Amino acid sequence: MLSPRVLILAGGLSHEREVSLRSGRRVAEVLREAGCEVTVTDVDDRLLDTLRSGQIDVVWPLLHGVNGEDGAVRDVLELVGVPYIGSDPAACRLSWDKSVAKSVAAEAGLTAPRFVALPHGIFRELGANRVLTSIVERLGLPLVVKPARGGSALGASAVRREESLPRAMVDCFAYGDVALVEQQISGVEVAVTVLDTGDGPVALPPVEIVPDSGFYDFDARYVAGATEFFCPARLSDEAEAAVKAAALSAHEAFGLRHVSRTDLIVDKTGQPWFLEVNVAPGMTETSLLPMSIEAAGLSPASVYRQLVERALV
């Protein structure tokens, strides 16, 4: 196919709408450089007509958050029968809920921090103070609090003192009904991209993440200059091999395809700890996946075009 017709889905109604729009614009620019015909559209009542028009060869869902990463939109693409880049609905559902994802990762032999996942209602029924005290007694400090379903670290915060935990829970519940509270592992935070453009999944150089604030929250992710990145990460050869193996294990265990990103912490012994896996990694100017592609000596235009062609097979 000389000039594949690609429809990029960007925007949506989640809290991560602006991030999605930025990802969509950036990928569209690169695909046009690669010789593709590209249209960027939001998810609205005109989408099904567009998908059925016969004018689209492949869809690239770059929707973040609910509907974009929980498999719902991909279910629609399956119903219509339009090829798309990325994981299928079942894999998305496994990855979307962080508490479920940690169970899947554990079954695959990956190490994850201890955690609890609690809905907002449990605090009201049992008494917030009692529940919070039990969390600290069981998991200790420091902790990380984040929505069990969601991305871009919206509603996420680090808790180093017990008196800070109630505020962190309030912030978390502003973005979701279920809070994931987990041990904060000390170490080097890395993100590992896995690509499969036709010859099997390959782990790209890991990106080391060093936020100025000490915690990789929303601002640290999307405000230019708020975080320092090192790619490849400053790891020993053994630790780098371990994080790549962990990302490949996650990619396989979750049944992912085409592209994924696994977030990990490497402790002082070189042990990788699984945090989460992403089926729709950010593709903005400050996102991690493009850094990994360039560090691997690859051309983003070439990789994105290969992903398009892979989805059409």
C-alpha atoms as a PDB file:
ATOM      1  CA  MET A   1       0.000   0.000   0.000  1.00  0.00           C
ATOM      2  CA  LEU A   2       1.637   3.213  -1.167  1.00  0.00           C
ATOM      3  CA  SER A   3      -0.199   5.623   1.082  1.00  0.00           C
ATOM      4  CA  PRO A   4      -2.172   4.042   3.949  1.00  0.00           C
ATOM      5  CA  ARG A   5      -5.181   6.043   5.109  1.00  0.00           C
ATOM      6  CA  VAL A   6      -4.873   6.361   8.879  1.00  0.00           C
ATOM      7  CA  LEU A   7      -7.541   7.643  11.233  1.00  0.00           C
ATOM      8  CA  ILE A   8      -6.132   8.806  14.561  1.00  0.00           C
ATOM      9  CA  LEU A   9      -8.572   8.883  17.467  1.00  0.00           C
ATOM     10  CA  ALA A  10      -7.603  11.625  19.911  1.00  0.00           C
ATOM     11  CA  GLY A  11      -9.437  13.603  22.540  1.00  0.00           C
ATOM     12  CA  GLY A  12     -12.308  11.828  24.263  1.00  0.00           C
ATOM     13  CA  LEU A  13     -14.036  12.891  27.451  1.00  0.00           C
ATOM     14  CA  SER A  14     -11.635  11.606  30.103  1.00  0.00           C
ATOM     15  CA  HIS A  15      -9.516  13.785  32.383  1.00  0.00           C
ATOM     16  CA  GLU A  16      -6.632  13.055  30.008  1.00  0.00           C
ATOM     17  CA  ARG A  17      -8.246  14.679  26.988  1.00  0.00           C
ATOM     18  CA  GLU A  18      -5.557  17.324  26.484  1.00  0.00           C
ATOM     19  CA  VAL A  19      -2.762  14.748  26.671  1.00  0.00           C
ATOM     20  CA  SER A  20      -4.569  12.635  24.094  1.00  0.00           C
ATOM     21  CA  LEU A  21      -4.959  15.592  21.735  1.00  0.00           C
ATOM     22  CA  ARG A  22      -1.246  16.342  22.012  1.00  0.00           C
ATOM     23  CA  SER A  23      -0.396  12.718  21.308  1.00  0.00           C
ATOM     24  CA  GLY A  24      -2.690  12.710  18.291  1.00  0.00           C
ATOM     25  CA  ARG A  25      -1.203  15.858  16.796  1.00  0.00           C
ATOM     26  CA  ARG A  26       2.346  14.600  17.202  1.00  0.00           C
ATOM     27  CA  VAL A  27       1.715  11.145  15.717  1.00  0.00           C
ATOM     28  CA  ALA A  28      -0.165  12.713  12.800  1.00  0.00           C
ATOM     29  CA  GLU A  29       2.844  14.897  11.990  1.00  0.00           C
ATOM     30  CA  VAL A  30       5.198  11.912  12.008  1.00  0.00           C
ATOM     31  CA  LEU A  31       2.924   9.680   9.949  1.00  0.00           C
ATOM     32  CA  ARG A  32       2.540  12.370   7.307  1.00  0.00           C
ATOM     33  CA  GLU A  33       6.322  12.529   7.116  1.00  0.00           C
ATOM     34  CA  ALA A  34       6.202   8.755   6.552  1.00  0.00           C
ATOM     35  CA  GLY A  35       3.877   9.167   3.567  1.00  0.00           C
ATOM     36  CA  CYS A  36       0.558   8.281   5.170  1.00  0.00           C
ATOM     37  CA  GLU A  37      -2.736  10.050   4.621  1.00  0.00           C
ATOM     38  CA  VAL A  38      -3.801  11.044   8.117  1.00  0.00           C
ATOM     39  CA  THR A  39      -7.036  12.279   9.622  1.00  0.00           C
ATOM     40  CA  VAL A  40      -7.357  13.145  13.315  1.00  0.00           C
ATOM     41  CA  THR A  41     -10.805  12.942  14.846  1.00  0.00           C
ATOM     42  CA  ASP A  42     -12.474  12.932  18.232  1.00  0.00           C
ATOM     43  CA  VAL A  43     -14.892  10.280  19.466  1.00  0.00           C
ATOM     44  CA  ASP A  44     -18.399  11.518  18.741  1.00  0.00           C
ATOM     45  CA  ASP A  45     -21.640  10.516  17.011  1.00  0.00           C
ATOM     46  CA  ARG A  46     -20.013  10.834  13.584  1.00  0.00           C
ATOM     47  CA  LEU A  47     -17.321   8.246  14.241  1.00  0.00           C
ATOM     48  CA  LEU A  48     -19.255   5.143  13.171  1.00  0.00           C
ATOM     49  CA  ASP A  49     -20.182   6.759   9.862  1.00  0.00           C
ATOM     50  CA  THR A  50     -16.520   7.593   9.296  1.00  0.00           C
ATOM     51  CA  LEU A  51     -15.424   4.065  10.114  1.00  0.00           C
ATOM     52  CA  ARG A  52     -17.992   2.589   7.709  1.00  0.00           C
ATOM     53  CA  SER A  53     -17.230   5.036   4.903  1.00  0.00           C
ATOM     54  CA  GLY A  54     -14.606   2.827   3.281  1.00  0.00           C
ATOM     55  CA  GLN A  55     -12.188   5.752   3.353  1.00  0.00           C
ATOM     56  CA  ILE A  56     -10.111   4.438   6.282  1.00  0.00           C
ATOM     57  CA  ASP A  57      -7.526   1.643   6.119  1.00  0.00           C
ATOM     58  CA  VAL A  58      -6.430   1.560   9.746  1.00  0.00           C
ATOM     59  CA  VAL A  59      -7.228   3.299  13.036  1.00  0.00           C
ATOM     60  CA  TRP A  60      -4.695   4.344  15.662  1.00  0.00           C
ATOM     61  CA  PRO A  61      -6.481   4.898  19.000  1.00  0.00           C
ATOM     62  CA  LEU A  62      -4.516   7.472  20.976  1.00  0.00           C
ATOM     63  CA  LEU A  63      -7.223   7.982  23.559  1.00  0.00           C
ATOM     64  CA  HIS A  64      -6.033   8.022  27.150  1.00  0.00           C
ATOM     65  CA  GLY A  65      -8.057   7.228  30.228  1.00  0.00           C
ATOM     66  CA  VAL A  66     -11.536   5.709  30.369  1.00  0.00           C
ATOM     67  CA  ASN A  67     -12.948   4.430  27.028  1.00  0.00           C
ATOM     68  CA  GLY A  68      -9.541   4.940  25.453  1.00  0.00           C
ATOM     69  CA  GLU A  69      -7.636   2.352  27.464  1.00  0.00           C
ATOM     70  CA  ASP A  70     -10.377   0.211  28.997  1.00  0.00           C
ATOM     71  CA  GLY A  71     -11.148  -1.582  25.732  1.00  0.00           C
ATOM     72  CA  ALA A  72     -14.506   0.083  24.993  1.00  0.00           C
ATOM     73  CA  VAL A  73     -13.542   1.952  21.811  1.00  0.00           C
ATOM     74  CA  ARG A  74     -11.585  -1.051  20.606  1.00  0.00           C
ATOM     75  CA  ASP A  75     -14.695  -3.186  21.090  1.00  0.00           C
ATOM     76  CA  VAL A  76     -16.450  -0.816  18.683  1.00  0.00           C
ATOM     77  CA  LEU A  77     -13.603  -1.094  16.176  1.00  0.00           C
ATOM     78  CA  GLU A  78     -13.915  -4.885  16.389  1.00  0.00           C
ATOM     79  CA  LEU A  79     -17.670  -4.654  15.775  1.00  0.00           C
ATOM     80  CA  VAL A  80     -17.177  -2.512  12.691  1.00  0.00           C
ATOM     81  CA  GLY A  81     -14.289  -4.653  11.463  1.00  0.00           C
ATOM     82  CA  VAL A  82     -11.721  -1.890  10.974  1.00  0.00           C
ATOM     83  CA  PRO A  83      -8.060  -2.798  11.601  1.00  0.00           C
ATOM     84  CA  TYR A  84      -6.385  -0.843  14.382  1.00  0.00           C
ATOM     85  CA  ILE A  85      -3.013  -0.425  16.047  1.00  0.00           C
ATOM     86  CA  GLY A  86      -2.617  -1.674  19.580  1.00  0.00           C
ATOM     87  CA  SER A  87      -3.958  -4.304  21.933  1.00  0.00           C
ATOM     88  CA  ASP A  88      -7.360  -5.942  21.699  1.00  0.00           C
ATOM     89  CA  PRO A  89     -10.215  -5.184  24.134  1.00  0.00           C
ATOM     90  CA  ALA A  90      -9.551  -8.141  26.452  1.00  0.00           C
ATOM     91  CA  ALA A  91      -5.904  -7.181  26.938  1.00  0.00           C
ATOM     92  CA  CYS A  92      -6.901  -3.571  27.526  1.00  0.00           C
ATOM     93  CA  ARG A  93      -9.330  -4.559  30.259  1.00  0.00           C
ATOM     94  CA  LEU A  94      -6.662  -6.587  32.064  1.00  0.00           C
ATOM     95  CA  SER A  95      -4.220  -3.671  31.909  1.00  0.00           C
ATOM     96  CA  TRP A  96      -6.683  -0.888  32.701  1.00  0.00           C
ATOM     97  CA  ASP A  97      -7.387  -1.761  36.339  1.00  0.00           C
ATOM     98  CA  LYS A  98      -4.097  -1.473  38.203  1.00  0.00           C
ATOM     99  CA  SER A  99      -5.118  -3.872  40.952  1.00  0.00           C
ATOM    100  CA  VAL A 100      -6.067  -6.539  38.393  1.00  0.00           C
ATOM    101  CA  ALA A 101      -2.863  -5.807  36.468  1.00  0.00           C
ATOM    102  CA  LYS A 102      -0.734  -6.436  39.547  1.00  0.00           C
ATOM    103  CA  SER A 103      -2.356  -9.849  39.985  1.00  0.00           C
ATOM    104  CA  VAL A 104      -1.685 -10.713  36.345  1.00  0.00           C
ATOM    105  CA  ALA A 105       1.927  -9.538  36.718  1.00  0.00           C
ATOM    106  CA  ALA A 106       2.394 -11.637  39.865  1.00  0.00           C
ATOM    107  CA  GLU A 107       1.092 -14.734  38.076  1.00  0.00           C
ATOM    108  CA  ALA A 108       3.684 -14.061  35.376  1.00  0.00           C
ATOM    109  CA  GLY A 109       6.442 -14.066  37.984  1.00  0.00           C
ATOM    110  CA  LEU A 110       6.955 -10.316  38.230  1.00  0.00           C
ATOM    111  CA  THR A 111       7.528  -8.613  41.586  1.00  0.00           C
ATOM    112  CA  ALA A 112       5.093  -5.860  42.563  1.00  0.00           C
ATOM    113  CA  PRO A 113       4.701  -3.649  45.662  1.00  0.00           C
ATOM    114  CA  ARG A 114       2.161  -4.734  48.266  1.00  0.00           C
ATOM    115  CA  PHE A 115      -1.095  -2.842  47.852  1.00  0.00           C
ATOM    116  CA  VAL A 116      -4.765  -2.498  48.685  1.00  0.00           C
ATOM    117  CA  ALA A 117      -7.511  -1.316  46.321  1.00  0.00           C
ATOM    118  CA  LEU A 118     -10.419   0.281  48.149  1.00  0.00           C
ATOM    119  CA  PRO A 119     -13.605   1.929  46.828  1.00  0.00           C
ATOM    120  CA  HIS A 120     -14.727   5.277  48.164  1.00  0.00           C
ATOM    121  CA  GLY A 121     -17.739   3.713  49.859  1.00  0.00           C
ATOM    122  CA  ILE A 122     -15.680   1.517  52.180  1.00  0.00           C
ATOM    123  CA  PHE A 123     -14.333   4.584  53.966  1.00  0.00           C
ATOM    124  CA  ARG A 124     -17.823   5.906  54.518  1.00  0.00           C
ATOM    125  CA  GLU A 125     -19.119   2.567  55.803  1.00  0.00           C
ATOM    126  CA  LEU A 126     -16.210   1.579  58.035  1.00  0.00           C
ATOM    127  CA  GLY A 127     -14.907   4.982  59.067  1.00  0.00           C
ATOM    128  CA  ALA A 128     -12.101   6.712  57.198  1.00  0.00           C
ATOM    129  CA  ASN A 129      -9.721   7.052  60.154  1.00  0.00           C
ATOM    130  CA  ARG A 130      -9.932   3.361  61.030  1.00  0.00           C
ATOM    131  CA  VAL A 131      -9.308   2.271  57.459  1.00  0.00           C
ATOM    132  CA  LEU A 132      -6.392   4.669  56.974  1.00  0.00           C
ATOM    133  CA  THR A 133      -4.774   3.539  60.215  1.00  0.00           C
ATOM    134  CA  SER A 134      -5.068  -0.077  59.106  1.00  0.00           C
ATOM    135  CA  ILE A 135      -3.437   0.762  55.771  1.00  0.00           C
ATOM    136  CA  VAL A 136      -0.416   2.320  57.435  1.00  0.00           C
ATOM    137  CA  GLU A 137      -0.127  -0.540  59.937  1.00  0.00           C
ATOM    138  CA  ARG A 138      -0.198  -3.084  57.123  1.00  0.00           C
ATOM    139  CA  LEU A 139       1.822  -1.405  54.373  1.00  0.00           C
ATOM    140  CA  GLY A 140       3.960   1.060  56.319  1.00  0.00           C
ATOM    141  CA  LEU A 141       5.320   4.318  54.945  1.00  0.00           C
ATOM    142  CA  PRO A 142       6.061   5.794  52.448  1.00  0.00           C
ATOM    143  CA  LEU A 143       3.065   5.049  50.235  1.00  0.00           C
ATOM    144  CA  VAL A 144       1.792   5.937  46.785  1.00  0.00           C
ATOM    145  CA  VAL A 145      -1.915   6.681  46.343  1.00  0.00           C
ATOM    146  CA  LYS A 146      -3.465   6.710  42.866  1.00  0.00           C
ATOM    147  CA  PRO A 147      -6.739   5.888  41.119  1.00  0.00           C
ATOM    148  CA  ALA A 148      -6.983   2.186  40.328  1.00  0.00           C
ATOM    149  CA  ARG A 149      -8.202   3.107  36.856  1.00  0.00           C
ATOM    150  CA  GLY A 150      -6.634   6.040  35.076  1.00  0.00           C
ATOM    151  CA  GLY A 151      -3.388   7.397  33.754  1.00  0.00           C
ATOM    152  CA  SER A 152      -1.039  10.365  33.462  1.00  0.00           C
ATOM    153  CA  ALA A 153      -0.681  10.260  37.282  1.00  0.00           C
ATOM    154  CA  LEU A 154      -3.853  12.311  37.679  1.00  0.00           C
ATOM    155  CA  GLY A 155      -4.916  12.054  41.321  1.00  0.00           C
ATOM    156  CA  ALA A 156      -1.651  10.348  42.275  1.00  0.00           C
ATOM    157  CA  SER A 157       0.562  11.430  45.152  1.00  0.00           C
ATOM    158  CA  ALA A 158       3.350  10.176  47.394  1.00  0.00           C
ATOM    159  CA  VAL A 159       2.644   9.959  51.128  1.00  0.00           C
ATOM    160  CA  ARG A 160       5.587  10.107  53.513  1.00  0.00           C
ATOM    161  CA  ARG A 161       3.726  11.024  56.711  1.00  0.00           C
ATOM    162  CA  GLU A 162       0.555   9.438  58.047  1.00  0.00           C
ATOM    163  CA  GLU A 163      -1.144  12.806  58.474  1.00  0.00           C
ATOM    164  CA  SER A 164      -0.799  13.395  54.707  1.00  0.00           C
ATOM    165  CA  LEU A 165      -2.767  10.272  53.801  1.00  0.00           C
ATOM    166  CA  PRO A 166      -6.325  11.726  54.129  1.00  0.00           C
ATOM    167  CA  ARG A 167      -5.527  14.566  51.717  1.00  0.00           C
ATOM    168  CA  ALA A 168      -3.996  12.113  49.252  1.00  0.00           C
ATOM    169  CA  MET A 169      -7.150   9.989  49.367  1.00  0.00           C
ATOM    170  CA  VAL A 170      -9.361  13.010  48.685  1.00  0.00           C
ATOM    171  CA  ASP A 171      -7.201  13.974  45.703  1.00  0.00           C
ATOM    172  CA  CYS A 172      -7.327  10.408  44.410  1.00  0.00           C
ATOM    173  CA  PHE A 173     -11.106  10.078  44.672  1.00  0.00           C
ATOM    174  CA  ALA A 174     -11.494  13.247  42.609  1.00  0.00           C
ATOM    175  CA  TYR A 175     -10.388  11.126  39.623  1.00  0.00           C
ATOM    176  CA  GLY A 176     -11.869   7.712  40.390  1.00  0.00           C
ATOM    177  CA  ASP A 177     -14.049   5.703  42.739  1.00  0.00           C
ATOM    178  CA  VAL A 178     -11.379   3.153  43.672  1.00  0.00           C
ATOM    179  CA  ALA A 179      -8.037   4.070  45.240  1.00  0.00           C
ATOM    180  CA  LEU A 180      -4.936   1.948  44.871  1.00  0.00           C
ATOM    181  CA  VAL A 181      -2.604   2.397  47.840  1.00  0.00           C
ATOM    182  CA  GLU A 182       0.767   0.703  47.518  1.00  0.00           C
ATOM    183  CA  GLN A 183       4.203   0.637  49.082  1.00  0.00           C
ATOM    184  CA  GLN A 184       6.535   3.208  47.596  1.00  0.00           C
ATOM    185  CA  ILE A 185       9.637   1.352  46.472  1.00  0.00           C
ATOM    186  CA  SER A 186      12.883   3.278  46.649  1.00  0.00           C
ATOM    187  CA  GLY A 187      15.021   3.078  43.553  1.00  0.00           C
ATOM    188  CA  VAL A 188      15.374   4.121  39.935  1.00  0.00           C
ATOM    189  CA  GLU A 189      12.122   4.657  38.058  1.00  0.00           C
ATOM    190  CA  VAL A 190      12.195   3.431  34.467  1.00  0.00           C
ATOM    191  CA  ALA A 191       9.800   2.956  31.576  1.00  0.00           C
ATOM    192  CA  VAL A 192      10.403   0.228  29.008  1.00  0.00           C
ATOM    193  CA  THR A 193       8.741   0.307  25.595  1.00  0.00           C
ATOM    194  CA  VAL A 194       8.046  -2.944  23.771  1.00  0.00           C
ATOM    195  CA  LEU A 195       7.526  -2.859  20.006  1.00  0.00           C
ATOM    196  CA  ASP A 196       6.395  -5.573  17.640  1.00  0.00           C
ATOM    197  CA  THR A 197       6.490  -4.440  14.046  1.00  0.00           C
ATOM    198  CA  GLY A 198       6.398  -7.956  12.631  1.00  0.00           C
ATOM    199  CA  ASP A 199       9.406  -9.893  13.899  1.00  0.00           C
ATOM    200  CA  GLY A 200       8.231 -10.441  17.461  1.00  0.00           C
ATOM    201  CA  PRO A 201       8.259  -8.142  20.504  1.00  0.00           C
ATOM    202  CA  VAL A 202      11.481  -6.253  21.233  1.00  0.00           C
ATOM    203  CA  ALA A 203      12.262  -4.191  24.331  1.00  0.00           C
ATOM    204  CA  LEU A 204      13.748  -0.781  23.536  1.00  0.00           C
ATOM    205  CA  PRO A 205      16.297   1.053  25.720  1.00  0.00           C
ATOM    206  CA  PRO A 206      14.719   1.906  29.097  1.00  0.00           C
ATOM    207  CA  VAL A 207      14.104   5.532  30.001  1.00  0.00           C
ATOM    208  CA  GLU A 208      15.207   6.638  33.465  1.00  0.00           C
ATOM    209  CA  ILE A 209      12.894   9.191  35.052  1.00  0.00           C
ATOM    210  CA  VAL A 210      14.218  11.776  37.527  1.00  0.00           C
ATOM    211  CA  PRO A 211      11.489  14.312  38.434  1.00  0.00           C
ATOM    212  CA  ASP A 212      12.626  17.543  40.081  1.00  0.00           C
ATOM    213  CA  SER A 213       9.855  17.163  42.671  1.00  0.00           C
ATOM    214  CA  GLY A 214      10.890  13.633  43.561  1.00  0.00           C
ATOM    215  CA  PHE A 215       7.561  12.203  42.372  1.00  0.00           C
ATOM    216  CA  TYR A 216       6.531  11.590  38.782  1.00  0.00           C
ATOM    217  CA  ASP A 217       3.119  13.289  38.905  1.00  0.00           C
ATOM    218  CA  PHE A 218       1.100  14.927  36.113  1.00  0.00           C
ATOM    219  CA  ASP A 219       3.161  18.133  35.999  1.00  0.00           C
ATOM    220  CA  ALA A 220       6.406  16.169  36.050  1.00  0.00           C
ATOM    221  CA  ARG A 221       5.180  14.234  33.013  1.00  0.00           C
ATOM    222  CA  TYR A 222       3.874  17.020  30.833  1.00  0.00           C
ATOM    223  CA  VAL A 223       5.590  20.275  31.837  1.00  0.00           C
ATOM    224  CA  ALA A 224       8.770  20.666  29.813  1.00  0.00           C
ATOM    225  CA  GLY A 225      11.833  20.817  32.050  1.00  0.00           C
ATOM    226  CA  ALA A 226      10.092  19.467  35.165  1.00  0.00           C
ATOM    227  CA  THR A 227      11.771  16.073  34.827  1.00  0.00           C
ATOM    228  CA  GLU A 228      15.191  14.912  33.710  1.00  0.00           C
ATOM    229  CA  PHE A 229      15.318  11.826  31.526  1.00  0.00           C
ATOM    230  CA  PHE A 230      18.180   9.488  30.737  1.00  0.00           C
ATOM    231  CA  CYS A 231      17.884   7.112  27.821  1.00  0.00           C
ATOM    232  CA  PRO A 232      19.293   4.576  28.007  1.00  0.00           C
ATOM    233  CA  ALA A 233      18.795   4.499  31.770  1.00  0.00           C
ATOM    234  CA  ARG A 234      21.853   4.605  34.006  1.00  0.00           C
ATOM    235  CA  LEU A 235      21.618   0.952  34.997  1.00  0.00           C
ATOM    236  CA  SER A 236      24.096  -1.883  35.183  1.00  0.00           C
ATOM    237  CA  ASP A 237      24.044  -4.300  32.278  1.00  0.00           C
ATOM    238  CA  GLU A 238      22.375  -6.871  34.532  1.00  0.00           C
ATOM    239  CA  ALA A 239      19.657  -4.441  35.697  1.00  0.00           C
ATOM    240  CA  GLU A 240      18.984  -3.253  32.151  1.00  0.00           C
ATOM    241  CA  ALA A 241      18.587  -6.834  31.000  1.00  0.00           C
ATOM    242  CA  ALA A 242      16.236  -7.488  33.938  1.00  0.00           C
ATOM    243  CA  VAL A 243      13.913  -4.561  33.198  1.00  0.00           C
ATOM    244  CA  LYS A 244      13.776  -5.450  29.517  1.00  0.00           C
ATOM    245  CA  ALA A 245      12.918  -9.043  30.414  1.00  0.00           C
ATOM    246  CA  ALA A 246      10.232  -7.827  32.826  1.00  0.00           C
ATOM    247  CA  ALA A 247       8.644  -5.614  30.149  1.00  0.00           C
ATOM    248  CA  LEU A 248       8.650  -8.455  27.635  1.00  0.00           C
ATOM    249  CA  SER A 249       7.094 -10.769  30.244  1.00  0.00           C
ATOM    250  CA  ALA A 250       4.362  -8.190  30.908  1.00  0.00           C
ATOM    251  CA  HIS A 251       3.723  -7.707  27.185  1.00  0.00           C
ATOM    252  CA  GLU A 252       3.237 -11.453  26.796  1.00  0.00           C
ATOM    253  CA  ALA A 253       1.315 -12.061  30.044  1.00  0.00           C
ATOM    254  CA  PHE A 254      -1.268  -9.386  29.259  1.00  0.00           C
ATOM    255  CA  GLY A 255      -1.621 -10.516  25.648  1.00  0.00           C
ATOM    256  CA  LEU A 256      -0.544  -7.122  24.305  1.00  0.00           C
ATOM    257  CA  ARG A 257       0.316  -6.411  20.694  1.00  0.00           C
ATOM    258  CA  HIS A 258       2.131  -3.883  18.510  1.00  0.00           C
ATOM    259  CA  VAL A 259       3.239  -1.481  21.256  1.00  0.00           C
ATOM    260  CA  SER A 260       3.193  -1.219  25.048  1.00  0.00           C
ATOM    261  CA  ARG A 261       5.066   0.488  27.865  1.00  0.00           C
ATOM    262  CA  THR A 262       5.804  -1.041  31.260  1.00  0.00           C
ATOM    263  CA  ASP A 263       6.674   1.171  34.231  1.00  0.00           C
ATOM    264  CA  LEU A 264       9.019  -0.222  36.855  1.00  0.00           C
ATOM    265  CA  ILE A 265      11.187   0.684  39.836  1.00  0.00           C
ATOM    266  CA  VAL A 266      14.672  -0.841  40.096  1.00  0.00           C
ATOM    267  CA  ASP A 267      15.752  -1.187  43.734  1.00  0.00           C
ATOM    268  CA  LYS A 268      19.322  -1.065  45.026  1.00  0.00           C
ATOM    269  CA  THR A 269      19.776  -4.802  44.452  1.00  0.00           C
ATOM    270  CA  GLY A 270      18.850  -4.470  40.781  1.00  0.00           C
ATOM    271  CA  GLN A 271      15.423  -6.060  41.277  1.00  0.00           C
ATOM    272  CA  PRO A 272      12.691  -4.618  39.012  1.00  0.00           C
ATOM    273  CA  TRP A 273       9.310  -3.929  40.656  1.00  0.00           C
ATOM    274  CA  PHE A 274       6.260  -3.850  38.399  1.00  0.00           C
ATOM    275  CA  LEU A 275       4.126  -0.688  38.690  1.00  0.00           C
ATOM    276  CA  GLU A 276       1.799  -0.779  35.695  1.00  0.00           C
ATOM    277  CA  VAL A 277       1.534  -1.472  31.985  1.00  0.00           C
ATOM    278  CA  ASN A 278       0.211   0.947  29.371  1.00  0.00           C
ATOM    279  CA  VAL A 279      -1.661  -0.066  26.224  1.00  0.00           C
ATOM    280  CA  ALA A 280      -1.824   3.508  24.895  1.00  0.00           C
ATOM    281  CA  PRO A 281       1.454   5.166  25.910  1.00  0.00           C
ATOM    282  CA  GLY A 282       1.705   8.918  25.611  1.00  0.00           C
ATOM    283  CA  MET A 283       3.143  10.124  22.293  1.00  0.00           C
ATOM    284  CA  THR A 284       3.599  13.821  23.051  1.00  0.00           C
ATOM    285  CA  GLU A 285       6.807  15.824  22.698  1.00  0.00           C
ATOM    286  CA  THR A 286       7.762  14.940  26.296  1.00  0.00           C
ATOM    287  CA  SER A 287       6.562  11.326  26.278  1.00  0.00           C
ATOM    288  CA  LEU A 288       8.825   8.357  26.919  1.00  0.00           C
ATOM    289  CA  LEU A 289       8.085   6.072  23.986  1.00  0.00           C
ATOM    290  CA  PRO A 290       9.527   8.438  21.349  1.00  0.00           C
ATOM    291  CA  MET A 291      12.675   8.824  23.493  1.00  0.00           C
ATOM    292  CA  SER A 292      13.168   5.067  23.490  1.00  0.00           C
ATOM    293  CA  ILE A 293      12.717   4.848  19.736  1.00  0.00           C
ATOM    294  CA  GLU A 294      15.369   7.479  19.110  1.00  0.00           C
ATOM    295  CA  ALA A 295      17.753   5.954  21.692  1.00  0.00           C
ATOM    296  CA  ALA A 296      17.478   2.665  19.818  1.00  0.00           C
ATOM    297  CA  GLY A 297      18.715   4.451  16.704  1.00  0.00           C
ATOM    298  CA  LEU A 298      15.357   4.107  14.996  1.00  0.00           C
ATOM    299  CA  SER A 299      13.369   6.663  13.048  1.00  0.00           C
ATOM    300  CA  PRO A 300       9.954   7.482  14.570  1.00  0.00           C
ATOM    301  CA  ALA A 301       8.538   7.907  11.069  1.00  0.00           C
ATOM    302  CA  SER A 302       9.779   4.469  10.052  1.00  0.00           C
ATOM    303  CA  VAL A 303       8.526   2.798  13.264  1.00  0.00           C
ATOM    304  CA  TYR A 304       5.085   4.401  13.098  1.00  0.00           C
ATOM    305  CA  ARG A 305       4.713   3.444   9.433  1.00  0.00           C
ATOM    306  CA  GLN A 306       5.706  -0.137  10.293  1.00  0.00           C
ATOM    307  CA  LEU A 307       3.055  -0.220  13.042  1.00  0.00           C
ATOM    308  CA  VAL A 308       0.455   0.910  10.521  1.00  0.00           C
ATOM    309  CA  GLU A 309       1.496  -1.816   8.097  1.00  0.00           C
ATOM    310  CA  ARG A 310       1.614  -4.391  10.888  1.00  0.00           C
ATOM    311  CA  ALA A 311      -1.994  -3.631  11.844  1.00  0.00           C
ATOM    312  CA  LEU A 312      -3.045  -4.208   8.234  1.00  0.00           C
ATOM    313  CA  VAL A 313      -1.623  -7.728   8.057  1.00  0.00           C
END
